[in-house]
Amino acid sequence: MVHIVLVGALLVIALVPIQAEAASEARSGRETYWYLNHRCIQQAAHRYQVSPVLLEAIVHVESEGNPLAVGVNHQGEGQSRGKLSYTQAAELVSRLWRQGANFDVGLGQVNSRNMEQYRVHPVYLLDPCVNLQWAAFVLRQKLDLFGNNWVAIGRYNGSKRLTQYVWKIYRALVHLEQIRKTRR
């Protein structure tokens, strides 16, 4: 079954069986790095012409692979709301949305400003595959705006601490490459 949702200028085509599988894998907790080389990462990266390895590093830094991650931003700092069930996360992001709060959702910690701009409700971004599509879309925007460089990667996060964020991504790239080597 294929669902097509038109959100602003972005057409999100999501295959329900893939989404359900990704959500199940993520919630099972059986594999810490379940998102490495996952087809949802590959599809999002291909669609927006971004590096899948870079997208994996962003997921690692932003949410540590938790598709239900919710961070509330206060004075430039994101504060995680910890481990949540789907119901808890959906209720929390819906409440934050109604309050007009500045918050991040899901694997790529997509910011509420992006949700407002494209009129997408944050509950949709709790789906791992949908979230990865949005994360890749936002990353592509930054790469188009700033070029294929570390500044663009740093701007993905939106933090004023660009250098710190870039170093986190760099360290994640190195770490995830080591994980890949142990799997070969």
N, C-alpha and C. Protein backbone atom coordinates (compact mmCIF):
# COMPACT_ATOMS: atom_id res chain seq x y z
N MET A 1 0.84 -1.16 0.00
CA MET A 1 0.00 0.00 0.00
C MET A 1 0.90 1.23 0.00
N VAL A 2 0.62 2.19 -0.84
CA VAL A 2 1.41 3.41 -0.94
C VAL A 2 0.55 4.59 -0.51
N HIS A 3 1.09 5.42 0.37
CA HIS A 3 0.42 6.64 0.79
C HIS A 3 1.19 7.82 0.20
N ILE A 4 0.47 8.76 -0.36
CA ILE A 4 1.10 9.96 -0.90
C ILE A 4 0.53 11.14 -0.13
N VAL A 5 1.43 11.93 0.44
CA VAL A 5 1.02 13.09 1.21
C VAL A 5 1.72 14.30 0.61
N LEU A 6 0.95 15.28 0.19
CA LEU A 6 1.52 16.51 -0.33
C LEU A 6 1.64 17.50 0.81
N VAL A 7 2.88 17.88 1.10
CA VAL A 7 3.15 18.79 2.21
C VAL A 7 3.94 19.96 1.64
N GLY A 8 3.28 21.10 1.52
CA GLY A 8 3.96 22.26 0.95
C GLY A 8 4.50 21.91 -0.41
N ALA A 9 5.79 22.17 -0.60
CA ALA A 9 6.43 21.90 -1.87
C ALA A 9 7.06 20.52 -1.91
N LEU A 10 6.88 19.75 -0.85
CA LEU A 10 7.56 18.47 -0.74
C LEU A 10 6.56 17.34 -0.88
N LEU A 11 6.79 16.44 -1.80
CA LEU A 11 5.96 15.27 -1.97
C LEU A 11 6.64 14.11 -1.28
N VAL A 12 5.98 13.58 -0.25
CA VAL A 12 6.55 12.47 0.49
C VAL A 12 5.82 11.22 0.07
N ILE A 13 6.54 10.29 -0.52
CA ILE A 13 5.97 9.01 -0.89
C ILE A 13 6.54 7.99 0.07
N ALA A 14 5.68 7.36 0.81
CA ALA A 14 6.15 6.45 1.84
C ALA A 14 5.55 5.06 1.64
N LEU A 15 6.39 4.06 1.63
CA LEU A 15 5.93 2.69 1.54
C LEU A 15 5.68 2.18 2.94
N VAL A 16 4.44 1.88 3.24
CA VAL A 16 4.06 1.52 4.60
C VAL A 16 4.82 0.31 5.12
N PRO A 17 5.01 -0.79 4.36
CA PRO A 17 5.75 -1.92 4.93
C PRO A 17 7.18 -1.55 5.33
N ILE A 18 7.84 -0.71 4.57
CA ILE A 18 9.21 -0.31 4.90
C ILE A 18 9.20 0.53 6.18
N GLN A 19 8.25 1.44 6.29
CA GLN A 19 8.16 2.27 7.48
C GLN A 19 7.90 1.42 8.71
N ALA A 20 6.98 0.50 8.60
CA ALA A 20 6.64 -0.35 9.75
C ALA A 20 7.85 -1.18 10.17
N GLU A 21 8.59 -1.69 9.19
CA GLU A 21 9.79 -2.48 9.49
C GLU A 21 10.83 -1.62 10.18
N ALA A 22 11.05 -0.41 9.69
CA ALA A 22 12.05 0.47 10.29
C ALA A 22 11.65 0.84 11.71
N ALA A 23 10.38 1.15 11.92
CA ALA A 23 9.92 1.51 13.26
C ALA A 23 10.08 0.33 14.21
N SER A 24 9.76 -0.86 13.72
CA SER A 24 9.88 -2.06 14.54
C SER A 24 11.34 -2.32 14.90
N GLU A 25 12.23 -2.21 13.93
CA GLU A 25 13.66 -2.41 14.18
C GLU A 25 14.17 -1.41 15.20
N ALA A 26 13.77 -0.17 15.04
CA ALA A 26 14.26 0.89 15.92
C ALA A 26 13.77 0.71 17.35
N ARG A 27 12.51 0.33 17.51
CA ARG A 27 11.94 0.21 18.85
C ARG A 27 12.37 -1.07 19.56
N SER A 28 12.79 -2.07 18.78
CA SER A 28 13.13 -3.35 19.41
C SER A 28 14.34 -3.22 20.32
N GLY A 29 15.24 -2.28 20.01
CA GLY A 29 16.41 -2.07 20.84
C GLY A 29 17.45 -3.18 20.69
N ARG A 30 17.20 -4.12 19.79
CA ARG A 30 18.11 -5.25 19.66
C ARG A 30 19.39 -4.89 18.93
N GLU A 31 19.39 -3.81 18.19
CA GLU A 31 20.54 -3.43 17.39
C GLU A 31 20.78 -1.94 17.57
N THR A 32 21.87 -1.59 18.23
CA THR A 32 22.17 -0.18 18.50
C THR A 32 22.30 0.63 17.22
N TYR A 33 22.94 0.05 16.23
CA TYR A 33 23.20 0.78 14.98
C TYR A 33 22.30 0.25 13.86
N TRP A 34 21.04 0.02 14.15
CA TRP A 34 20.11 -0.55 13.18
C TRP A 34 20.00 0.29 11.91
N TYR A 35 20.24 1.58 12.01
CA TYR A 35 20.05 2.50 10.89
C TYR A 35 21.19 2.47 9.87
N LEU A 36 22.32 1.84 10.23
CA LEU A 36 23.45 1.79 9.28
C LEU A 36 23.05 0.98 8.05
N ASN A 37 23.22 1.60 6.91
CA ASN A 37 22.91 0.99 5.62
C ASN A 37 21.44 0.56 5.51
N HIS A 38 20.58 1.17 6.30
CA HIS A 38 19.15 0.84 6.22
C HIS A 38 18.58 1.41 4.93
N ARG A 39 17.63 0.71 4.36
CA ARG A 39 17.09 1.16 3.06
C ARG A 39 16.41 2.53 3.15
N CYS A 40 15.86 2.90 4.30
CA CYS A 40 15.26 4.23 4.42
C CYS A 40 16.32 5.33 4.34
N ILE A 41 17.48 5.08 4.91
CA ILE A 41 18.61 6.03 4.79
C ILE A 41 19.04 6.09 3.33
N GLN A 42 19.18 4.94 2.72
CA GLN A 42 19.63 4.88 1.33
C GLN A 42 18.65 5.60 0.40
N GLN A 43 17.37 5.38 0.60
CA GLN A 43 16.35 6.02 -0.24
C GLN A 43 16.35 7.53 -0.07
N ALA A 44 16.41 7.99 1.17
CA ALA A 44 16.41 9.43 1.43
C ALA A 44 17.67 10.08 0.84
N ALA A 45 18.80 9.43 1.06
CA ALA A 45 20.07 9.98 0.54
C ALA A 45 20.05 10.03 -0.98
N HIS A 46 19.54 9.00 -1.61
CA HIS A 46 19.47 8.96 -3.08
C HIS A 46 18.52 10.04 -3.60
N ARG A 47 17.37 10.15 -2.97
CA ARG A 47 16.37 11.11 -3.43
C ARG A 47 16.89 12.54 -3.41
N TYR A 48 17.61 12.90 -2.36
CA TYR A 48 18.09 14.28 -2.21
C TYR A 48 19.57 14.44 -2.53
N GLN A 49 20.17 13.38 -3.06
CA GLN A 49 21.57 13.43 -3.48
C GLN A 49 22.49 13.92 -2.37
N VAL A 50 22.37 13.26 -1.21
CA VAL A 50 23.28 13.51 -0.10
C VAL A 50 23.97 12.19 0.24
N SER A 51 25.05 12.27 0.93
CA SER A 51 25.80 11.08 1.31
C SER A 51 25.02 10.27 2.36
N PRO A 52 24.78 8.98 2.10
CA PRO A 52 24.10 8.18 3.11
C PRO A 52 24.95 8.04 4.38
N VAL A 53 26.25 8.02 4.25
CA VAL A 53 27.14 7.92 5.40
C VAL A 53 27.03 9.19 6.26
N LEU A 54 26.94 10.33 5.62
CA LEU A 54 26.75 11.59 6.34
C LEU A 54 25.39 11.61 7.03
N LEU A 55 24.37 11.13 6.36
CA LEU A 55 23.03 11.08 6.96
C LEU A 55 23.03 10.15 8.18
N GLU A 56 23.74 9.04 8.10
CA GLU A 56 23.88 8.14 9.25
C GLU A 56 24.57 8.84 10.42
N ALA A 57 25.61 9.62 10.12
CA ALA A 57 26.33 10.35 11.17
C ALA A 57 25.42 11.38 11.83
N ILE A 58 24.60 12.03 11.04
CA ILE A 58 23.65 13.00 11.59
C ILE A 58 22.67 12.31 12.52
N VAL A 59 22.16 11.15 12.10
CA VAL A 59 21.24 10.38 12.94
C VAL A 59 21.93 9.98 14.25
N HIS A 60 23.17 9.56 14.13
CA HIS A 60 23.93 9.15 15.32
C HIS A 60 24.08 10.31 16.31
N VAL A 61 24.45 11.47 15.80
CA VAL A 61 24.66 12.64 16.66
C VAL A 61 23.34 13.19 17.19
N GLU A 62 22.35 13.27 16.34
CA GLU A 62 21.10 13.93 16.71
C GLU A 62 20.23 13.09 17.65
N SER A 63 20.14 11.77 17.40
CA SER A 63 19.18 10.96 18.16
C SER A 63 19.71 9.62 18.64
N GLU A 64 20.94 9.30 18.27
CA GLU A 64 21.51 7.99 18.57
C GLU A 64 20.61 6.86 18.07
N GLY A 65 19.94 7.12 16.96
CA GLY A 65 19.10 6.10 16.34
C GLY A 65 17.73 5.92 16.97
N ASN A 66 17.31 6.86 17.79
CA ASN A 66 16.00 6.78 18.44
C ASN A 66 14.97 7.54 17.60
N PRO A 67 14.06 6.83 16.92
CA PRO A 67 13.09 7.51 16.07
C PRO A 67 12.04 8.30 16.85
N LEU A 68 11.95 8.06 18.16
CA LEU A 68 10.98 8.76 18.98
C LEU A 68 11.62 9.86 19.82
N ALA A 69 12.84 10.23 19.46
CA ALA A 69 13.56 11.28 20.20
C ALA A 69 12.84 12.62 20.02
N VAL A 70 12.71 13.33 21.13
CA VAL A 70 12.13 14.67 21.11
C VAL A 70 13.05 15.54 21.95
N GLY A 71 13.49 16.63 21.36
CA GLY A 71 14.32 17.59 22.08
C GLY A 71 13.66 18.94 22.09
N VAL A 72 13.60 19.56 23.25
CA VAL A 72 13.02 20.90 23.36
C VAL A 72 14.17 21.89 23.46
N ASN A 73 14.15 22.91 22.63
CA ASN A 73 15.22 23.89 22.57
C ASN A 73 14.90 25.08 23.46
N HIS A 74 15.87 25.37 24.32
CA HIS A 74 15.71 26.50 25.25
C HIS A 74 17.05 27.22 25.34
N GLN A 75 17.06 28.49 25.00
CA GLN A 75 18.26 29.31 25.03
C GLN A 75 19.43 28.67 24.28
N GLY A 76 19.12 28.14 23.10
CA GLY A 76 20.16 27.58 22.24
C GLY A 76 20.60 26.17 22.58
N GLU A 77 20.00 25.56 23.58
CA GLU A 77 20.36 24.20 23.99
C GLU A 77 19.17 23.27 23.80
N GLY A 78 19.43 22.13 23.16
CA GLY A 78 18.40 21.12 23.03
C GLY A 78 18.38 20.23 24.26
N GLN A 79 17.21 20.05 24.82
CA GLN A 79 17.08 19.21 26.01
C GLN A 79 16.22 18.00 25.66
N SER A 80 16.84 16.82 25.69
CA SER A 80 16.15 15.59 25.35
C SER A 80 15.07 15.28 26.37
N ARG A 81 13.99 14.72 25.90
CA ARG A 81 12.90 14.29 26.79
C ARG A 81 13.03 12.82 27.15
N GLY A 82 14.17 12.20 26.84
CA GLY A 82 14.44 10.82 27.25
C GLY A 82 13.70 9.80 26.40
N LYS A 83 13.68 8.57 26.87
CA LYS A 83 13.03 7.47 26.16
C LYS A 83 11.52 7.62 26.30
N LEU A 84 10.85 7.62 25.16
CA LEU A 84 9.40 7.78 25.14
C LEU A 84 8.78 6.65 24.33
N SER A 85 7.57 6.29 24.67
CA SER A 85 6.80 5.39 23.82
C SER A 85 6.27 6.21 22.64
N TYR A 86 5.74 5.53 21.64
CA TYR A 86 5.17 6.27 20.52
C TYR A 86 4.06 7.19 21.00
N THR A 87 3.18 6.69 21.86
CA THR A 87 2.06 7.48 22.36
C THR A 87 2.56 8.70 23.13
N GLN A 88 3.54 8.51 23.98
CA GLN A 88 4.09 9.63 24.75
C GLN A 88 4.71 10.67 23.82
N ALA A 89 5.49 10.20 22.83
CA ALA A 89 6.14 11.12 21.90
C ALA A 89 5.10 11.89 21.08
N ALA A 90 4.07 11.19 20.60
CA ALA A 90 3.03 11.84 19.79
C ALA A 90 2.29 12.89 20.61
N GLU A 91 1.95 12.55 21.85
CA GLU A 91 1.27 13.52 22.72
C GLU A 91 2.17 14.73 23.01
N LEU A 92 3.46 14.46 23.26
CA LEU A 92 4.39 15.54 23.58
C LEU A 92 4.57 16.49 22.39
N VAL A 93 4.83 15.95 21.20
CA VAL A 93 5.06 16.84 20.05
C VAL A 93 3.79 17.58 19.66
N SER A 94 2.64 16.95 19.86
CA SER A 94 1.38 17.64 19.56
C SER A 94 1.19 18.82 20.52
N ARG A 95 1.49 18.60 21.79
CA ARG A 95 1.36 19.68 22.77
C ARG A 95 2.36 20.82 22.48
N LEU A 96 3.62 20.43 22.19
CA LEU A 96 4.64 21.44 21.87
C LEU A 96 4.25 22.23 20.62
N TRP A 97 3.67 21.55 19.64
CA TRP A 97 3.23 22.18 18.40
C TRP A 97 2.16 23.23 18.69
N ARG A 98 1.17 22.84 19.51
CA ARG A 98 0.09 23.77 19.86
C ARG A 98 0.62 24.98 20.63
N GLN A 99 1.67 24.77 21.44
CA GLN A 99 2.25 25.84 22.25
C GLN A 99 3.19 26.74 21.44
N GLY A 100 3.53 26.33 20.23
CA GLY A 100 4.46 27.11 19.42
C GLY A 100 5.89 27.02 19.90
N ALA A 101 6.23 25.93 20.56
CA ALA A 101 7.58 25.74 21.10
C ALA A 101 8.59 25.46 19.99
N ASN A 102 9.85 25.65 20.30
CA ASN A 102 10.95 25.32 19.40
C ASN A 102 11.46 23.95 19.83
N PHE A 103 11.25 22.95 18.98
CA PHE A 103 11.61 21.58 19.35
C PHE A 103 12.05 20.78 18.12
N ASP A 104 12.67 19.63 18.37
CA ASP A 104 13.20 18.75 17.33
C ASP A 104 12.57 17.38 17.49
N VAL A 105 12.39 16.69 16.35
CA VAL A 105 11.68 15.41 16.37
C VAL A 105 12.42 14.34 15.57
N GLY A 106 12.48 13.14 16.14
CA GLY A 106 12.86 11.94 15.41
C GLY A 106 14.34 11.73 15.16
N LEU A 107 14.62 10.79 14.26
CA LEU A 107 15.99 10.38 13.97
C LEU A 107 16.91 11.54 13.62
N GLY A 108 16.45 12.40 12.74
CA GLY A 108 17.27 13.53 12.29
C GLY A 108 17.03 14.78 13.09
N GLN A 109 16.20 14.69 14.15
CA GLN A 109 15.86 15.84 14.98
C GLN A 109 15.47 17.04 14.12
N VAL A 110 14.50 16.82 13.23
CA VAL A 110 14.00 17.87 12.36
C VAL A 110 13.33 18.92 13.23
N ASN A 111 13.69 20.18 13.01
CA ASN A 111 13.24 21.28 13.86
C ASN A 111 11.84 21.74 13.51
N SER A 112 11.13 22.21 14.52
CA SER A 112 9.75 22.68 14.35
C SER A 112 9.64 23.85 13.37
N ARG A 113 10.70 24.60 13.19
CA ARG A 113 10.66 25.70 12.20
C ARG A 113 10.47 25.14 10.79
N ASN A 114 11.13 24.02 10.51
CA ASN A 114 10.94 23.37 9.21
C ASN A 114 9.51 22.85 9.08
N MET A 115 8.98 22.32 10.17
CA MET A 115 7.61 21.80 10.15
C MET A 115 6.62 22.94 9.88
N GLU A 116 6.84 24.07 10.52
CA GLU A 116 5.97 25.24 10.31
C GLU A 116 6.06 25.72 8.87
N GLN A 117 7.28 25.82 8.36
CA GLN A 117 7.48 26.33 7.01
C GLN A 117 6.76 25.48 5.97
N TYR A 118 6.78 24.15 6.15
CA TYR A 118 6.18 23.25 5.16
C TYR A 118 4.84 22.68 5.63
N ARG A 119 4.37 23.17 6.75
CA ARG A 119 3.05 22.80 7.28
C ARG A 119 2.88 21.29 7.43
N VAL A 120 3.84 20.69 8.08
CA VAL A 120 3.77 19.26 8.36
C VAL A 120 3.67 19.07 9.88
N HIS A 121 2.72 18.28 10.30
CA HIS A 121 2.52 18.05 11.73
C HIS A 121 3.65 17.16 12.24
N PRO A 122 4.19 17.46 13.42
CA PRO A 122 5.35 16.72 13.93
C PRO A 122 5.11 15.23 14.17
N VAL A 123 3.89 14.81 14.37
CA VAL A 123 3.63 13.38 14.58
C VAL A 123 4.07 12.56 13.36
N TYR A 124 3.93 13.12 12.17
CA TYR A 124 4.38 12.42 10.96
C TYR A 124 5.88 12.13 11.01
N LEU A 125 6.61 13.00 11.67
CA LEU A 125 8.07 12.85 11.71
C LEU A 125 8.54 11.83 12.74
N LEU A 126 7.62 11.23 13.47
CA LEU A 126 7.98 10.14 14.37
C LEU A 126 8.18 8.84 13.59
N ASP A 127 7.72 8.81 12.35
CA ASP A 127 7.97 7.66 11.49
C ASP A 127 9.41 7.76 10.99
N PRO A 128 10.23 6.73 11.21
CA PRO A 128 11.65 6.81 10.85
C PRO A 128 11.91 7.14 9.38
N CYS A 129 11.19 6.52 8.48
CA CYS A 129 11.46 6.75 7.06
C CYS A 129 11.02 8.14 6.62
N VAL A 130 9.90 8.61 7.12
CA VAL A 130 9.46 9.96 6.81
C VAL A 130 10.45 10.97 7.38
N ASN A 131 10.89 10.75 8.60
CA ASN A 131 11.84 11.65 9.24
C ASN A 131 13.14 11.72 8.44
N LEU A 132 13.61 10.59 7.97
CA LEU A 132 14.86 10.56 7.20
C LEU A 132 14.71 11.32 5.89
N GLN A 133 13.54 11.24 5.27
CA GLN A 133 13.30 12.02 4.05
C GLN A 133 13.41 13.52 4.34
N TRP A 134 12.80 13.94 5.46
CA TRP A 134 12.86 15.36 5.82
C TRP A 134 14.27 15.77 6.21
N ALA A 135 14.97 14.91 6.94
CA ALA A 135 16.35 15.22 7.34
C ALA A 135 17.22 15.40 6.10
N ALA A 136 17.07 14.50 5.13
CA ALA A 136 17.85 14.60 3.89
C ALA A 136 17.46 15.86 3.11
N PHE A 137 16.18 16.21 3.12
CA PHE A 137 15.71 17.42 2.45
C PHE A 137 16.34 18.67 3.06
N VAL A 138 16.34 18.74 4.40
CA VAL A 138 16.93 19.88 5.10
C VAL A 138 18.44 19.94 4.83
N LEU A 139 19.10 18.79 4.89
CA LEU A 139 20.53 18.75 4.60
C LEU A 139 20.81 19.22 3.18
N ARG A 140 20.02 18.79 2.22
CA ARG A 140 20.19 19.22 0.83
C ARG A 140 20.04 20.73 0.73
N GLN A 141 19.07 21.31 1.43
CA GLN A 141 18.90 22.77 1.42
C GLN A 141 20.16 23.47 1.91
N LYS A 142 20.74 22.96 2.99
CA LYS A 142 21.95 23.57 3.55
C LYS A 142 23.13 23.42 2.60
N LEU A 143 23.25 22.26 1.97
CA LEU A 143 24.34 22.05 1.01
C LEU A 143 24.18 22.97 -0.20
N ASP A 144 22.96 23.16 -0.65
CA ASP A 144 22.72 24.06 -1.79
C ASP A 144 23.02 25.51 -1.42
N LEU A 145 22.72 25.87 -0.19
CA LEU A 145 22.91 27.24 0.25
C LEU A 145 24.37 27.58 0.56
N PHE A 146 25.07 26.65 1.23
CA PHE A 146 26.43 26.93 1.70
C PHE A 146 27.52 26.19 0.93
N GLY A 147 27.14 25.25 0.07
CA GLY A 147 28.13 24.46 -0.68
C GLY A 147 28.40 23.13 0.03
N ASN A 148 29.12 22.27 -0.66
CA ASN A 148 29.46 20.96 -0.11
C ASN A 148 30.67 21.10 0.82
N ASN A 149 30.40 21.55 2.03
CA ASN A 149 31.49 21.79 2.97
C ASN A 149 30.99 21.62 4.41
N TRP A 150 31.91 21.77 5.35
CA TRP A 150 31.58 21.59 6.76
C TRP A 150 30.63 22.66 7.28
N VAL A 151 30.67 23.84 6.71
CA VAL A 151 29.75 24.89 7.15
C VAL A 151 28.31 24.45 6.90
N ALA A 152 28.05 23.89 5.73
CA ALA A 152 26.70 23.42 5.40
C ALA A 152 26.26 22.34 6.38
N ILE A 153 27.17 21.44 6.70
CA ILE A 153 26.86 20.37 7.64
C ILE A 153 26.58 20.96 9.02
N GLY A 154 27.37 21.93 9.42
CA GLY A 154 27.15 22.59 10.70
C GLY A 154 25.83 23.32 10.76
N ARG A 155 25.42 23.88 9.64
CA ARG A 155 24.16 24.63 9.59
C ARG A 155 22.94 23.72 9.64
N TYR A 156 23.12 22.42 9.37
CA TYR A 156 22.00 21.48 9.48
C TYR A 156 21.39 21.57 10.88
N ASN A 157 22.23 21.65 11.87
CA ASN A 157 21.79 21.65 13.26
C ASN A 157 21.14 22.97 13.66
N GLY A 158 21.53 24.05 13.05
CA GLY A 158 20.96 25.34 13.38
C GLY A 158 21.52 25.96 14.64
N SER A 159 22.47 25.29 15.27
CA SER A 159 23.07 25.80 16.50
C SER A 159 24.06 26.91 16.19
N LYS A 160 24.27 27.74 17.17
CA LYS A 160 25.30 28.78 17.04
C LYS A 160 26.69 28.17 17.28
N ARG A 161 26.71 26.96 17.78
CA ARG A 161 27.97 26.26 18.06
C ARG A 161 28.36 25.39 16.87
N LEU A 162 28.53 26.02 15.74
CA LEU A 162 28.80 25.34 14.48
C LEU A 162 30.03 24.44 14.56
N THR A 163 31.12 24.95 15.08
CA THR A 163 32.37 24.17 15.13
C THR A 163 32.20 22.92 16.00
N GLN A 164 31.56 23.06 17.15
CA GLN A 164 31.34 21.91 18.02
C GLN A 164 30.49 20.85 17.32
N TYR A 165 29.45 21.28 16.62
CA TYR A 165 28.57 20.34 15.93
C TYR A 165 29.33 19.61 14.82
N VAL A 166 30.11 20.36 14.07
CA VAL A 166 30.88 19.76 12.98
C VAL A 166 31.83 18.69 13.52
N TRP A 167 32.47 18.97 14.64
CA TRP A 167 33.37 17.98 15.23
C TRP A 167 32.61 16.74 15.70
N LYS A 168 31.40 16.93 16.21
CA LYS A 168 30.57 15.78 16.59
C LYS A 168 30.27 14.90 15.37
N ILE A 169 29.95 15.56 14.28
CA ILE A 169 29.65 14.81 13.04
C ILE A 169 30.91 14.08 12.57
N TYR A 170 32.04 14.77 12.58
CA TYR A 170 33.29 14.14 12.16
C TYR A 170 33.59 12.90 13.02
N ARG A 171 33.48 13.05 14.33
CA ARG A 171 33.74 11.91 15.23
C ARG A 171 32.74 10.78 14.98
N ALA A 172 31.50 11.12 14.69
CA ALA A 172 30.49 10.10 14.38
C ALA A 172 30.84 9.37 13.09
N LEU A 173 31.32 10.09 12.09
CA LEU A 173 31.74 9.46 10.83
C LEU A 173 32.84 8.44 11.09
N VAL A 174 33.83 8.81 11.89
CA VAL A 174 34.94 7.91 12.22
C VAL A 174 34.42 6.71 13.00
N HIS A 175 33.61 6.97 14.01
CA HIS A 175 33.07 5.90 14.86
C HIS A 175 32.23 4.91 14.05
N LEU A 176 31.34 5.42 13.22
CA LEU A 176 30.46 4.55 12.44
C LEU A 176 31.25 3.75 11.40
N GLU A 177 32.33 4.30 10.90
CA GLU A 177 33.18 3.55 9.97
C GLU A 177 33.82 2.38 10.71
N GLN A 178 34.23 2.57 11.95
CA GLN A 178 34.77 1.48 12.74
C GLN A 178 33.74 0.39 12.98
N ILE A 179 32.49 0.79 13.23
CA ILE A 179 31.41 -0.18 13.41
C ILE A 179 31.21 -0.98 12.13
N ARG A 180 31.22 -0.29 10.99
CA ARG A 180 31.07 -0.99 9.70
C ARG A 180 32.16 -2.02 9.48
N LYS A 181 33.39 -1.66 9.85
CA LYS A 181 34.53 -2.57 9.66
C LYS A 181 34.36 -3.85 10.49
N THR A 182 33.82 -3.71 11.71
CA THR A 182 33.64 -4.89 12.55
C THR A 182 32.52 -5.80 12.02
N ARG A 183 31.65 -5.26 11.19
CA ARG A 183 30.53 -6.04 10.63
C ARG A 183 30.92 -6.80 9.37
N ARG A 184 32.05 -6.46 8.77
CA ARG A 184 32.43 -7.08 7.50
C ARG A 184 32.95 -8.46 7.70
